[in-house]
Amino acid sequence: MVIVMAPDATDADIAHIVAKVESVGGEANVSKGVVRTVIGLVGDIEAFHQLNLRSFPGVADVRRISDPYKLVSRQHHPERSTIWIDGPSGRVPIGPETFTLLAGPCAVESVEQTLEAAQMAKAAGATILRGSAFTPRTSPYAFQGLGAHGLEILADVGRAMSLPIMTELVDPRDVDRVAETVDLIQIGARSMSNVPLLQAVGRAGRPVLLERGPAASVEEWLMAAEYVARCGNLDIVLCERGIRTFENTTRATLDLSAVPMVQATSHLPVVVDPSHASGRRDLVVPLSRASIAVGADGLVADVHPDPESALCDGPQALLGSDLRELATACRRLPREVGRVGAADRVH
């Protein structure tokens, strides 16, 4: 069961409901988004009914949810959500009415490399700068990122370019430091099932981009999002970036069917990462076009000023004519599916 609070509900209204639910042996999980607050209830449904929750001050609606993921389900919130990312020049939307490009270097390597990549990304239409300071790799001998120093570089470049920034978080011990610095926290595919990390970012007070794990079903992906939501954070963006199959000509198999499937069952925005799905520069633009066509709410793309010397994922990074093709696709194709660029909706 989920309680949807009215926009003018007070903290006292919420506290009153939590106390009443706990008085009958239930558990109340308060989740606050930018525009709404919901309270997920766990316990005896009949006991909750006897409380007559709809009559409580501040309550807009009370709903029974049959989906296993209560808070991120469209049964709870029939209209699809727009998540707003705060940045130096305003709030950037990710949602059903707009199309958002998140781009930048896969890994922060230096001030010069990150700044040049950010300039390339912004020129291509990106409204959010992505770049990893902590880069968990398959091989323990591969470049693992610059850590805290990389985070500082990304923050400085984001301010210089007037772009909100996103970086990957891999360790719950770094949550506070990352949350203080970035505007959007990325949970990578390897970390999708790390419950303590999901719970920590749920309490961090920052929007979250949650990647689908390489072996995760759609339901498992949404249940991971539910862990974040149950800890108080409804500002979640889902990212499809490929699943593991028998095919080995690409890094992963991009599951574009997941985009409309998730949008039909969850109110959360869904973006696609064709760079990490394919691992191949020549496939990024075609897969981006396909992602826009199936209704993705945005794209995550790698760019690098010198891919041949990149310390991380150079073969998939865009520059030159490939980046110009991506920019053209992101400018023209969303209009065909009734969307506008996120830059036109920055508040």
Protein backbone atom coordinates (compact mmCIF):
# COMPACT_ATOMS: atom_id res chain seq x y z
CA MET A 1 0.00 0.00 0.00
CA VAL A 2 1.19 3.50 -0.85
CA ILE A 3 0.05 6.86 0.51
CA VAL A 4 0.40 9.80 -1.88
CA MET A 5 0.73 13.09 -0.03
CA ALA A 6 -0.73 16.36 -1.27
CA PRO A 7 1.73 19.02 -2.51
CA ASP A 8 0.97 21.18 0.55
CA ALA A 9 1.38 18.37 3.09
CA THR A 10 3.53 19.39 6.05
CA ASP A 11 6.25 17.51 7.89
CA ALA A 12 3.83 17.26 10.81
CA ASP A 13 1.24 15.57 8.54
CA ILE A 14 3.83 13.02 7.44
CA ALA A 15 5.05 12.39 11.00
CA HIS A 16 1.45 11.86 12.15
CA ILE A 17 0.89 9.17 9.50
CA VAL A 18 4.17 7.41 10.29
CA ALA A 19 3.26 7.32 14.00
CA LYS A 20 -0.20 5.92 13.31
CA VAL A 21 1.13 3.22 10.98
CA GLU A 22 3.76 2.17 13.49
CA SER A 23 1.13 2.08 16.24
CA VAL A 24 -0.56 -0.86 14.48
CA GLY A 25 2.72 -2.71 13.91
CA GLY A 26 3.40 -1.44 10.40
CA GLU A 27 6.44 0.11 8.77
CA ALA A 28 6.26 3.46 6.93
CA ASN A 29 8.93 4.37 4.37
CA VAL A 30 8.87 8.05 3.40
CA SER A 31 10.18 8.86 -0.09
CA LYS A 32 10.49 12.45 -1.25
CA GLY A 33 10.82 13.53 -4.85
CA VAL A 34 11.14 17.02 -6.25
CA VAL A 35 7.38 17.45 -6.66
CA ARG A 36 5.77 14.82 -4.42
CA THR A 37 6.13 12.74 -1.27
CA VAL A 38 4.87 9.17 -0.95
CA ILE A 39 4.82 6.80 2.00
CA GLY A 40 5.17 3.09 1.34
CA LEU A 41 3.52 0.87 3.92
CA VAL A 42 4.64 -2.62 4.96
CA GLY A 43 2.49 -4.71 7.29
CA ASP A 44 -1.11 -5.77 7.89
CA ILE A 45 -3.28 -4.26 5.12
CA GLU A 46 -6.47 -4.72 7.13
CA ALA A 47 -4.99 -2.83 10.08
CA PHE A 48 -4.08 0.01 7.72
CA HIS A 49 -7.63 0.11 6.34
CA GLN A 50 -9.01 0.47 9.86
CA LEU A 51 -6.95 3.63 10.30
CA ASN A 52 -8.99 5.33 7.54
CA LEU A 53 -5.81 6.85 6.12
CA ARG A 54 -7.61 8.85 3.43
CA SER A 55 -9.09 11.07 6.12
CA PHE A 56 -5.70 12.13 7.51
CA PRO A 57 -4.51 15.73 6.91
CA GLY A 58 -2.22 16.06 3.90
CA VAL A 59 -3.25 12.77 2.23
CA ALA A 60 -4.11 13.01 -1.47
CA ASP A 61 -4.64 9.31 -2.19
CA VAL A 62 -4.13 5.78 -0.85
CA ARG A 63 -3.41 2.98 -3.33
CA ARG A 64 -3.05 -0.79 -3.27
CA ILE A 65 -0.09 -1.84 -5.41
CA SER A 66 0.15 -5.42 -6.72
CA ASP A 67 3.54 -4.99 -8.39
CA PRO A 68 6.47 -6.20 -6.24
CA TYR A 69 8.12 -2.79 -6.81
CA LYS A 70 5.63 -0.51 -5.08
CA LEU A 71 7.10 2.98 -5.26
CA VAL A 72 8.52 2.90 -8.78
CA SER A 73 5.42 1.26 -10.29
CA ARG A 74 2.97 3.07 -12.56
CA GLN A 75 0.23 1.56 -10.42
CA HIS A 76 1.44 3.98 -7.76
CA HIS A 77 2.10 6.88 -10.14
CA PRO A 78 0.25 6.48 -13.47
CA GLU A 79 1.89 9.51 -15.13
CA ARG A 80 5.51 9.11 -16.11
CA SER A 81 7.90 11.20 -14.02
CA THR A 82 10.35 13.92 -14.98
CA ILE A 83 13.49 14.04 -12.87
CA TRP A 84 15.13 17.46 -12.55
CA ILE A 85 18.92 17.72 -12.17
CA ASP A 86 20.19 20.89 -10.52
CA GLY A 87 23.12 22.56 -12.24
CA PRO A 88 25.09 25.81 -12.39
CA SER A 89 22.75 27.29 -15.01
CA GLY A 90 19.44 25.87 -13.83
CA ARG A 91 17.57 22.57 -13.58
CA VAL A 92 17.88 20.05 -16.42
CA PRO A 93 14.93 17.68 -17.05
CA ILE A 94 15.06 13.96 -17.84
CA GLY A 95 11.61 12.66 -18.67
CA PRO A 96 8.87 11.88 -21.18
CA GLU A 97 8.50 15.31 -22.77
CA THR A 98 12.17 16.00 -23.43
CA PHE A 99 15.29 14.28 -24.76
CA THR A 100 18.49 14.62 -22.73
CA LEU A 101 22.07 13.95 -23.78
CA LEU A 102 24.53 13.09 -21.01
CA ALA A 103 28.06 13.00 -22.42
CA GLY A 104 31.70 13.29 -21.47
CA PRO A 105 34.79 11.15 -20.97
CA CYS A 106 34.34 7.64 -19.63
CA ALA A 107 37.09 8.44 -17.11
CA VAL A 108 38.56 11.68 -15.84
CA GLU A 109 42.26 11.55 -16.74
CA SER A 110 43.45 15.16 -16.44
CA VAL A 111 42.17 18.73 -16.32
CA GLU A 112 42.98 19.30 -19.99
CA GLN A 113 41.38 16.06 -21.21
CA THR A 114 38.22 16.55 -19.14
CA LEU A 115 37.79 20.18 -20.18
CA GLU A 116 38.27 19.40 -23.87
CA ALA A 117 35.84 16.47 -23.67
CA ALA A 118 33.31 18.68 -21.87
CA GLN A 119 33.60 21.33 -24.57
CA MET A 120 33.00 18.66 -27.23
CA ALA A 121 30.02 17.26 -25.31
CA LYS A 122 28.38 20.65 -24.82
CA ALA A 123 28.89 21.58 -28.47
CA ALA A 124 27.09 18.34 -29.39
CA GLY A 125 24.09 19.32 -27.27
CA ALA A 126 24.85 17.62 -23.97
CA THR A 127 23.20 19.26 -20.96
CA ILE A 128 24.79 16.97 -18.34
CA LEU A 129 28.51 16.18 -18.12
CA ARG A 130 29.42 12.59 -17.27
CA GLY A 131 32.86 11.41 -16.18
CA SER A 132 34.10 8.77 -13.77
CA ALA A 133 36.57 9.47 -11.00
CA PHE A 134 36.18 5.93 -9.64
CA THR A 135 36.29 3.38 -12.48
CA PRO A 136 35.93 -0.27 -11.42
CA ARG A 137 37.32 -2.42 -14.24
CA THR A 138 37.22 -6.10 -15.11
CA SER A 139 40.99 -6.29 -14.73
CA PRO A 140 42.51 -5.15 -11.44
CA TYR A 141 45.53 -3.95 -13.46
CA ALA A 142 43.53 -1.54 -15.63
CA PHE A 143 43.19 2.17 -14.88
CA GLN A 144 40.92 2.55 -11.85
CA GLY A 145 40.41 6.31 -11.96
CA LEU A 146 41.90 9.30 -10.15
CA GLY A 147 39.61 9.02 -7.14
CA ALA A 148 39.06 12.17 -5.11
CA HIS A 149 41.36 14.21 -7.34
CA GLY A 150 39.33 13.18 -10.38
CA LEU A 151 36.15 14.22 -8.59
CA GLU A 152 37.62 17.68 -7.99
CA ILE A 153 38.61 18.00 -11.66
CA LEU A 154 35.11 17.01 -12.80
CA ALA A 155 33.50 19.52 -10.43
CA ASP A 156 35.77 22.34 -11.60
CA VAL A 157 35.13 21.57 -15.27
CA GLY A 158 31.38 21.31 -14.68
CA ARG A 159 31.34 24.77 -13.13
CA ALA A 160 33.53 26.19 -15.90
CA MET A 161 31.19 24.78 -18.56
CA SER A 162 27.98 25.58 -16.60
CA LEU A 163 26.94 21.92 -16.75
CA PRO A 164 25.60 19.66 -13.98
CA ILE A 165 27.85 16.66 -13.45
CA MET A 166 27.37 12.91 -13.04
CA THR A 167 29.92 10.41 -11.76
CA GLU A 168 29.85 6.76 -10.77
CA LEU A 169 29.79 5.75 -7.12
CA VAL A 170 31.12 2.33 -6.16
CA ASP A 171 31.78 2.40 -2.42
CA PRO A 172 29.18 3.29 0.26
CA ARG A 173 31.97 4.96 2.24
CA ASP A 174 32.25 7.60 -0.51
CA VAL A 175 28.56 8.50 -0.58
CA ASP A 176 28.78 11.71 1.44
CA ARG A 177 31.79 13.03 -0.46
CA VAL A 178 30.27 12.27 -3.87
CA ALA A 179 26.83 13.60 -2.91
CA GLU A 180 28.37 16.89 -1.80
CA THR A 181 30.12 17.29 -5.16
CA VAL A 182 27.97 15.92 -7.99
CA ASP A 183 24.46 16.65 -9.21
CA LEU A 184 23.58 13.12 -10.36
CA ILE A 185 25.00 9.93 -8.81
CA GLN A 186 25.60 7.04 -11.20
CA ILE A 187 25.27 3.46 -9.96
CA GLY A 188 27.07 1.30 -12.48
CA ALA A 189 25.99 -2.07 -13.84
CA ARG A 190 28.38 -3.94 -11.56
CA SER A 191 26.84 -2.26 -8.50
CA MET A 192 23.15 -2.66 -9.37
CA SER A 193 22.77 -5.49 -6.83
CA ASN A 194 24.85 -3.85 -4.08
CA VAL A 195 22.03 -3.33 -1.59
CA PRO A 196 24.02 -1.33 1.01
CA LEU A 197 25.13 1.05 -1.76
CA LEU A 198 21.56 1.42 -3.08
CA GLN A 199 20.30 2.16 0.41
CA ALA A 200 23.07 4.68 1.02
CA VAL A 201 22.34 6.66 -2.16
CA GLY A 202 18.65 6.48 -1.31
CA ARG A 203 19.44 8.50 1.80
CA ALA A 204 21.95 10.84 0.14
CA GLY A 205 19.53 13.46 -1.19
CA ARG A 206 20.82 13.42 -4.78
CA PRO A 207 19.17 12.13 -7.98
CA VAL A 208 20.43 8.69 -9.02
CA LEU A 209 21.07 7.11 -12.42
CA LEU A 210 20.78 3.34 -12.00
CA GLU A 211 22.28 1.12 -14.68
CA ARG A 212 20.86 -2.30 -15.44
CA GLY A 213 23.17 -5.15 -14.48
CA PRO A 214 24.50 -7.32 -17.33
CA ALA A 215 22.56 -10.38 -16.12
CA ALA A 216 19.56 -8.63 -14.57
CA SER A 217 15.96 -9.08 -15.62
CA VAL A 218 13.74 -6.03 -15.95
CA GLU A 219 12.02 -6.93 -12.67
CA GLU A 220 15.36 -7.26 -10.85
CA TRP A 221 16.39 -3.87 -12.22
CA LEU A 222 13.18 -2.27 -10.97
CA MET A 223 13.53 -3.98 -7.59
CA ALA A 224 16.99 -2.40 -7.30
CA ALA A 225 15.38 0.98 -7.96
CA GLU A 226 12.83 0.16 -5.27
CA TYR A 227 15.66 -0.14 -2.71
CA VAL A 228 16.66 3.44 -3.52
CA ALA A 229 13.06 4.66 -3.39
CA ARG A 230 12.32 2.94 -0.07
CA CYS A 231 15.17 4.86 1.53
CA GLY A 232 13.59 8.18 0.66
CA ASN A 233 14.67 9.01 -2.88
CA LEU A 234 12.23 8.93 -5.80
CA ASP A 235 14.50 10.92 -8.13
CA ILE A 236 15.76 7.90 -10.08
CA VAL A 237 16.72 7.60 -13.76
CA LEU A 238 17.08 4.09 -15.19
CA CYS A 239 19.81 3.33 -17.74
CA GLU A 240 19.77 0.39 -20.18
CA ARG A 241 23.35 -0.39 -21.21
CA GLY A 242 23.24 -3.92 -22.55
CA ILE A 243 22.90 -7.43 -21.16
CA ARG A 244 25.10 -10.49 -21.46
CA THR A 245 24.08 -13.01 -24.13
CA PHE A 246 25.84 -15.61 -26.29
CA GLU A 247 26.76 -12.92 -28.84
CA ASN A 248 30.38 -11.73 -28.61
CA THR A 249 30.74 -9.32 -31.53
CA THR A 250 29.79 -6.49 -29.18
CA ARG A 251 30.59 -5.96 -25.52
CA ALA A 252 26.94 -6.58 -24.60
CA THR A 253 23.59 -6.97 -26.34
CA LEU A 254 21.61 -3.73 -26.17
CA ASP A 255 18.07 -4.64 -25.09
CA LEU A 256 16.00 -1.88 -26.67
CA SER A 257 12.79 -3.76 -25.90
CA ALA A 258 13.46 -2.94 -22.25
CA VAL A 259 12.87 0.78 -22.87
CA PRO A 260 9.14 0.65 -23.75
CA MET A 261 8.69 -2.34 -21.42
CA VAL A 262 9.97 -0.42 -18.39
CA GLN A 263 8.10 2.74 -19.40
CA ALA A 264 4.89 0.72 -19.43
CA THR A 265 5.41 -0.62 -15.91
CA SER A 266 7.38 2.13 -14.14
CA HIS A 267 6.99 5.90 -14.00
CA LEU A 268 10.77 6.43 -13.92
CA PRO A 269 12.66 7.90 -16.93
CA VAL A 270 14.73 5.47 -19.01
CA VAL A 271 17.92 6.45 -20.87
CA VAL A 272 20.24 4.30 -23.00
CA ASP A 273 24.03 3.99 -23.03
CA PRO A 274 25.01 2.74 -26.52
CA SER A 275 28.70 3.40 -25.87
CA HIS A 276 29.13 0.81 -23.12
CA ALA A 277 26.60 -1.57 -24.66
CA SER A 278 28.49 -1.88 -27.94
CA GLY A 279 32.05 -0.99 -27.01
CA ARG A 280 32.44 0.12 -30.64
CA ARG A 281 32.54 3.67 -31.96
CA ASP A 282 30.97 2.71 -35.30
CA LEU A 283 27.84 1.36 -33.56
CA VAL A 284 27.16 4.23 -31.17
CA VAL A 285 25.32 6.49 -33.62
CA PRO A 286 23.13 3.74 -35.19
CA LEU A 287 22.17 2.45 -31.73
CA SER A 288 21.50 6.01 -30.60
CA ARG A 289 19.09 6.53 -33.48
CA ALA A 290 17.33 3.27 -32.60
CA SER A 291 17.14 4.29 -28.93
CA ILE A 292 15.46 7.56 -29.82
CA ALA A 293 13.02 5.72 -32.09
CA VAL A 294 11.85 3.35 -29.32
CA GLY A 295 11.23 6.26 -26.96
CA ALA A 296 14.32 6.57 -24.77
CA ASP A 297 14.28 9.66 -22.57
CA GLY A 298 17.95 10.33 -23.24
CA LEU A 299 21.37 8.96 -24.13
CA VAL A 300 24.64 8.52 -22.26
CA ALA A 301 27.64 8.79 -24.60
CA ASP A 302 31.41 8.71 -24.24
CA VAL A 303 33.48 11.43 -25.90
CA HIS A 304 37.25 11.89 -25.80
CA PRO A 305 39.60 14.35 -27.51
CA ASP A 306 42.11 11.57 -28.30
CA PRO A 307 40.52 8.11 -28.07
CA GLU A 308 43.70 6.35 -29.15
CA SER A 309 45.43 7.49 -25.96
CA ALA A 310 42.40 7.11 -23.65
CA LEU A 311 43.08 5.28 -20.40
CA CYS A 312 39.56 3.83 -20.41
CA ASP A 313 37.24 2.65 -23.23
CA GLY A 314 38.89 4.55 -26.06
CA PRO A 315 37.45 2.29 -28.83
CA GLN A 316 33.90 3.49 -28.08
CA ALA A 317 34.60 7.20 -27.52
CA LEU A 318 33.28 9.67 -30.09
CA LEU A 319 34.97 12.65 -31.71
CA GLY A 320 34.98 14.41 -35.05
CA SER A 321 32.44 13.26 -37.64
CA ASP A 322 30.99 10.56 -35.37
CA LEU A 323 30.21 13.11 -32.68
CA ARG A 324 28.71 15.46 -35.25
CA GLU A 325 26.46 12.63 -36.45
CA LEU A 326 25.33 11.98 -32.89
CA ALA A 327 24.61 15.68 -32.38
CA THR A 328 22.51 15.75 -35.56
CA ALA A 329 20.54 12.69 -34.48
CA CYS A 330 19.89 14.12 -31.02
CA ARG A 331 18.76 17.43 -32.51
CA ARG A 332 16.47 16.12 -35.24
CA LEU A 333 15.09 12.70 -34.34
CA PRO A 334 13.46 13.47 -30.96
CA ARG A 335 11.14 15.91 -32.75
CA GLU A 336 9.78 12.97 -34.76
CA VAL A 337 8.60 11.31 -31.54
CA GLY A 338 7.17 14.48 -30.02
CA ARG A 339 10.04 15.63 -27.83
CA VAL A 340 12.14 18.74 -27.40
CA GLY A 341 15.76 19.01 -26.35
CA ALA A 342 16.39 19.26 -22.62
CA ALA A 343 18.30 22.50 -23.22
CA ASP A 344 14.99 24.09 -24.27
CA ARG A 345 13.43 23.16 -20.92
CA VAL A 346 16.21 24.17 -18.51
CA HIS A 347 14.70 26.15 -15.61
